C-alpha atoms as a PDB file:
ATOM      1  CA  MET A   1     -14.476 -18.569   2.733  1.00  0.00           C
ATOM      2  CA  SER A   2     -12.399 -15.557   3.739  1.00  0.00           C
ATOM      3  CA  THR A   3      -9.281 -14.385   2.001  1.00  0.00           C
ATOM      4  CA  LYS A   4      -6.256 -13.154   3.852  1.00  0.00           C
ATOM      5  CA  PRO A   5      -5.642  -9.440   3.261  1.00  0.00           C
ATOM      6  CA  LEU A   6      -2.599  -8.749   1.128  1.00  0.00           C
ATOM      7  CA  LYS A   7       0.255  -7.160   3.050  1.00  0.00           C
ATOM      8  CA  PHE A   8       3.245  -5.284   1.687  1.00  0.00           C
ATOM      9  CA  GLY A   9       5.783  -7.909   2.764  1.00  0.00           C
ATOM     10  CA  ASP A  10       3.786 -10.772   1.260  1.00  0.00           C
ATOM     11  CA  PHE A  11       3.337  -8.862  -1.999  1.00  0.00           C
ATOM     12  CA  ALA A  12       7.059  -8.031  -2.220  1.00  0.00           C
ATOM     13  CA  LYS A  13       8.271 -11.517  -1.296  1.00  0.00           C
ATOM     14  CA  ASP A  14       5.828 -13.309  -3.612  1.00  0.00           C
ATOM     15  CA  ARG A  15       6.827 -11.068  -6.504  1.00  0.00           C
ATOM     16  CA  ARG A  16      10.564 -11.384  -5.731  1.00  0.00           C
ATOM     17  CA  ILE A  17      10.279 -15.162  -5.806  1.00  0.00           C
ATOM     18  CA  ALA A  18       8.090 -15.064  -8.940  1.00  0.00           C
ATOM     19  CA  VAL A  19      10.779 -13.143 -10.849  1.00  0.00           C
ATOM     20  CA  GLY A  20      13.410 -15.623  -9.680  1.00  0.00           C
ATOM     21  CA  LEU A  21      15.410 -13.460  -7.302  1.00  0.00           C
ATOM     22  CA  THR A  22      16.971 -14.745  -4.113  1.00  0.00           C
ATOM     23  CA  LEU A  23      16.851 -12.462  -1.102  1.00  0.00           C
ATOM     24  CA  ARG A  24      20.556 -11.634  -1.436  1.00  0.00           C
ATOM     25  CA  SER A  25      20.519 -10.965  -5.191  1.00  0.00           C
ATOM     26  CA  PHE A  26      17.423  -8.789  -4.838  1.00  0.00           C
ATOM     27  CA  CYS A  27      19.048  -6.810  -2.013  1.00  0.00           C
ATOM     28  CA  ARG A  28      22.202  -6.257  -4.098  1.00  0.00           C
ATOM     29  CA  ASP A  29      20.032  -4.878  -6.908  1.00  0.00           C
ATOM     30  CA  VAL A  30      18.055  -2.463  -4.716  1.00  0.00           C
ATOM     31  CA  LEU A  31      20.900  -1.604  -2.326  1.00  0.00           C
ATOM     32  CA  ILE A  32      19.478  -2.732   1.008  1.00  0.00           C
ATOM     33  CA  ASP A  33      20.791  -4.982   3.753  1.00  0.00           C
ATOM     34  CA  PRO A  34      19.306  -8.504   3.367  1.00  0.00           C
ATOM     35  CA  SER A  35      18.574  -8.747   7.090  1.00  0.00           C
ATOM     36  CA  ASN A  36      16.548  -5.533   6.999  1.00  0.00           C
ATOM     37  CA  TRP A  37      14.674  -6.522   3.827  1.00  0.00           C
ATOM     38  CA  SER A  38      13.850  -9.912   5.326  1.00  0.00           C
ATOM     39  CA  LYS A  39      12.339  -8.094   8.313  1.00  0.00           C
ATOM     40  CA  ILE A  40      10.292  -5.925   5.934  1.00  0.00           C
ATOM     41  CA  GLU A  41       9.019  -8.971   4.048  1.00  0.00           C
ATOM     42  CA  ARG A  42       8.024 -10.606   7.349  1.00  0.00           C
ATOM     43  CA  GLY A  43       6.301  -7.432   8.584  1.00  0.00           C
ATOM     44  CA  VAL A  44       8.737  -6.927  11.466  1.00  0.00           C
ATOM     45  CA  LEU A  45       9.856  -3.579  10.019  1.00  0.00           C
ATOM     46  CA  PRO A  46       7.721  -1.201   7.947  1.00  0.00           C
ATOM     47  CA  PRO A  47       8.854  -0.454   4.402  1.00  0.00           C
ATOM     48  CA  PRO A  48      10.988   2.673   3.937  1.00  0.00           C
ATOM     49  CA  ASP A  49       9.187   5.949   3.254  1.00  0.00           C
ATOM     50  CA  ASP A  50      11.462   6.774   0.335  1.00  0.00           C
ATOM     51  CA  ALA A  51       9.727   7.060  -3.034  1.00  0.00           C
ATOM     52  CA  GLY A  52      13.019   6.641  -4.908  1.00  0.00           C
ATOM     53  CA  PHE A  53      13.793   3.411  -3.093  1.00  0.00           C
ATOM     54  CA  LEU A  54      10.277   2.040  -3.620  1.00  0.00           C
ATOM     55  CA  SER A  55      10.529   2.943  -7.296  1.00  0.00           C
ATOM     56  CA  ARG A  56      13.821   1.019  -7.540  1.00  0.00           C
ATOM     57  CA  VAL A  57      12.194  -1.987  -5.866  1.00  0.00           C
ATOM     58  CA  ALA A  58       9.185  -1.792  -8.209  1.00  0.00           C
ATOM     59  CA  THR A  59      11.506  -1.715 -11.224  1.00  0.00           C
ATOM     60  CA  VAL A  60      13.533  -4.704 -10.033  1.00  0.00           C
ATOM     61  CA  LEU A  61      10.300  -6.597  -9.350  1.00  0.00           C
ATOM     62  CA  GLY A  62       9.018  -5.728 -12.848  1.00  0.00           C
ATOM     63  CA  LEU A  63       5.778  -4.195 -11.588  1.00  0.00           C
ATOM     64  CA  ASN A  64       3.388  -2.681 -14.110  1.00  0.00           C
ATOM     65  CA  THR A  65       1.664   0.657 -13.456  1.00  0.00           C
ATOM     66  CA  ASP A  66      -1.300  -0.822 -11.571  1.00  0.00           C
ATOM     67  CA  GLU A  67       0.969  -3.069  -9.510  1.00  0.00           C
ATOM     68  CA  GLN A  68       3.212  -0.103  -8.681  1.00  0.00           C
ATOM     69  CA  ALA A  69       0.197   1.808  -7.360  1.00  0.00           C
ATOM     70  CA  GLU A  70      -0.885  -1.169  -5.257  1.00  0.00           C
ATOM     71  CA  PHE A  71       2.708  -1.595  -4.038  1.00  0.00           C
ATOM     72  CA  ALA A  72       2.894   2.064  -2.966  1.00  0.00           C
ATOM     73  CA  ASP A  73      -0.509   1.835  -1.239  1.00  0.00           C
ATOM     74  CA  LEU A  74       0.507  -1.312   0.627  1.00  0.00           C
ATOM     75  CA  ALA A  75       3.737   0.409   1.717  1.00  0.00           C
ATOM     76  CA  SER A  76       1.766   3.360   3.098  1.00  0.00           C
ATOM     77  CA  ILE A  77      -0.650   1.062   4.895  1.00  0.00           C
ATOM     78  CA  ALA A  78       2.231  -0.965   6.372  1.00  0.00           C
ATOM     79  CA  ARG A  79       3.644   2.270   7.791  1.00  0.00           C
ATOM     80  CA  GLY A  80       0.220   3.173   9.190  1.00  0.00           C
ATOM     81  CA  HIS A  81      -0.215   6.088   6.792  1.00  0.00           C
ATOM     82  CA  ILE A  82      -2.902   7.145   4.381  1.00  0.00           C
ATOM     83  CA  PRO A  83      -1.485   7.045   0.826  1.00  0.00           C
ATOM     84  CA  THR A  84      -0.078  10.429  -0.206  1.00  0.00           C
ATOM     85  CA  ASP A  85      -2.516  11.025  -3.050  1.00  0.00           C
ATOM     86  CA  LEU A  86      -5.428  10.632  -0.602  1.00  0.00           C
ATOM     87  CA  ARG A  87      -4.144  13.156   1.945  1.00  0.00           C
ATOM     88  CA  ASP A  88      -6.358  15.866   0.550  1.00  0.00           C
ATOM     89  CA  ASP A  89      -8.283  17.934   3.142  1.00  0.00           C
ATOM     90  CA  GLU A  90     -11.609  17.265   1.428  1.00  0.00           C
ATOM     91  CA  ILE A  91     -11.023  13.515   1.377  1.00  0.00           C
ATOM     92  CA  LEU A  92      -9.686  13.424   4.933  1.00  0.00           C
ATOM     93  CA  THR A  93     -12.840  15.090   6.273  1.00  0.00           C
ATOM     94  CA  LYS A  94     -14.827  12.145   4.896  1.00  0.00           C
ATOM     95  CA  MET A  95     -12.659   9.482   6.506  1.00  0.00           C
ATOM     96  CA  PRO A  96     -14.545   9.333   9.841  1.00  0.00           C
ATOM     97  CA  ALA A  97     -17.704   8.278   7.978  1.00  0.00           C
ATOM     98  CA  PHE A  98     -15.718   5.616   6.165  1.00  0.00           C
ATOM     99  CA  PHE A  99     -14.229   4.362   9.448  1.00  0.00           C
ATOM    100  CA  ARG A 100     -17.692   4.131  11.010  1.00  0.00           C
ATOM    101  CA  ALA A 101     -18.912   2.144   8.020  1.00  0.00           C
ATOM    102  CA  ILE A 102     -16.138  -0.417   8.125  1.00  0.00           C
ATOM    103  CA  ARG A 103     -16.571  -0.774  11.891  1.00  0.00           C
ATOM    104  CA  GLY A 104     -20.244  -1.544  11.289  1.00  0.00           C
ATOM    105  CA  GLN A 105     -21.401   1.544  13.167  1.00  0.00           C
ATOM    106  CA  GLU A 106     -24.336   3.758  12.254  1.00  0.00           C
ATOM    107  CA  TYR A 107     -23.900   5.147   8.776  1.00  0.00           C
ATOM    108  CA  THR A 108     -26.440   7.742   7.700  1.00  0.00           C
ATOM    109  CA  PRO A 109     -27.538   8.320   4.103  1.00  0.00           C
ATOM    110  CA  GLU A 110     -25.849  11.738   4.318  1.00  0.00           C
ATOM    111  CA  ASP A 111     -22.575  10.082   5.375  1.00  0.00           C
ATOM    112  CA  PHE A 112     -22.852   7.665   2.471  1.00  0.00           C
ATOM    113  CA  GLU A 113     -23.526  10.472   0.005  1.00  0.00           C
ATOM    114  CA  LYS A 114     -20.500  12.469   1.245  1.00  0.00           C
ATOM    115  CA  LEU A 115     -18.264   9.435   0.906  1.00  0.00           C
ATOM    116  CA  LEU A 116     -19.603   8.553  -2.529  1.00  0.00           C
ATOM    117  CA  THR A 117     -19.125  12.146  -3.738  1.00  0.00           C
ATOM    118  CA  GLY A 118     -15.534  12.109  -2.485  1.00  0.00           C
ATOM    119  CA  VAL A 119     -14.751   8.821  -4.193  1.00  0.00           C
ATOM    120  CA  LYS A 120     -16.248  10.044  -7.468  1.00  0.00           C
ATOM    121  CA  ARG A 121     -14.054  13.154  -7.337  1.00  0.00           C
ATOM    122  CA  LEU A 122     -10.979  10.942  -7.052  1.00  0.00           C
ATOM    123  CA  HIS A 123     -11.812   9.399 -10.404  1.00  0.00           C
ATOM    124  CA  GLN A 124     -12.495  12.618 -12.289  1.00  0.00           C
ATOM    125  CA  PRO A 125      -9.719  14.087 -14.430  1.00  0.00           C
END
């Protein structure tokens, strides 16, 4: 059984509905045109690349800290970008090994070790 990957628009729409907001009332609260937000929810348009706007949306949706991080990551992915906090030169040099792995291509033990080391560094204070 496979699960459908979560997309920004699905996340935003599901949460908007869960907190009881209509499209129009939500758009009044976050100051965006309902037609444009509908296109974002449906994946026709990418989410804006404006941290202040996304923060406003997260507040209106009542997202907790973990949900806000997921929301921001999904927004970056929807725009075809690597999340800002991962745009570190050291991390970016490891991305080709990661891409090979998820494509099912040859992945050497050295590649795995480099990736693992990079991930561990992300979680160190």
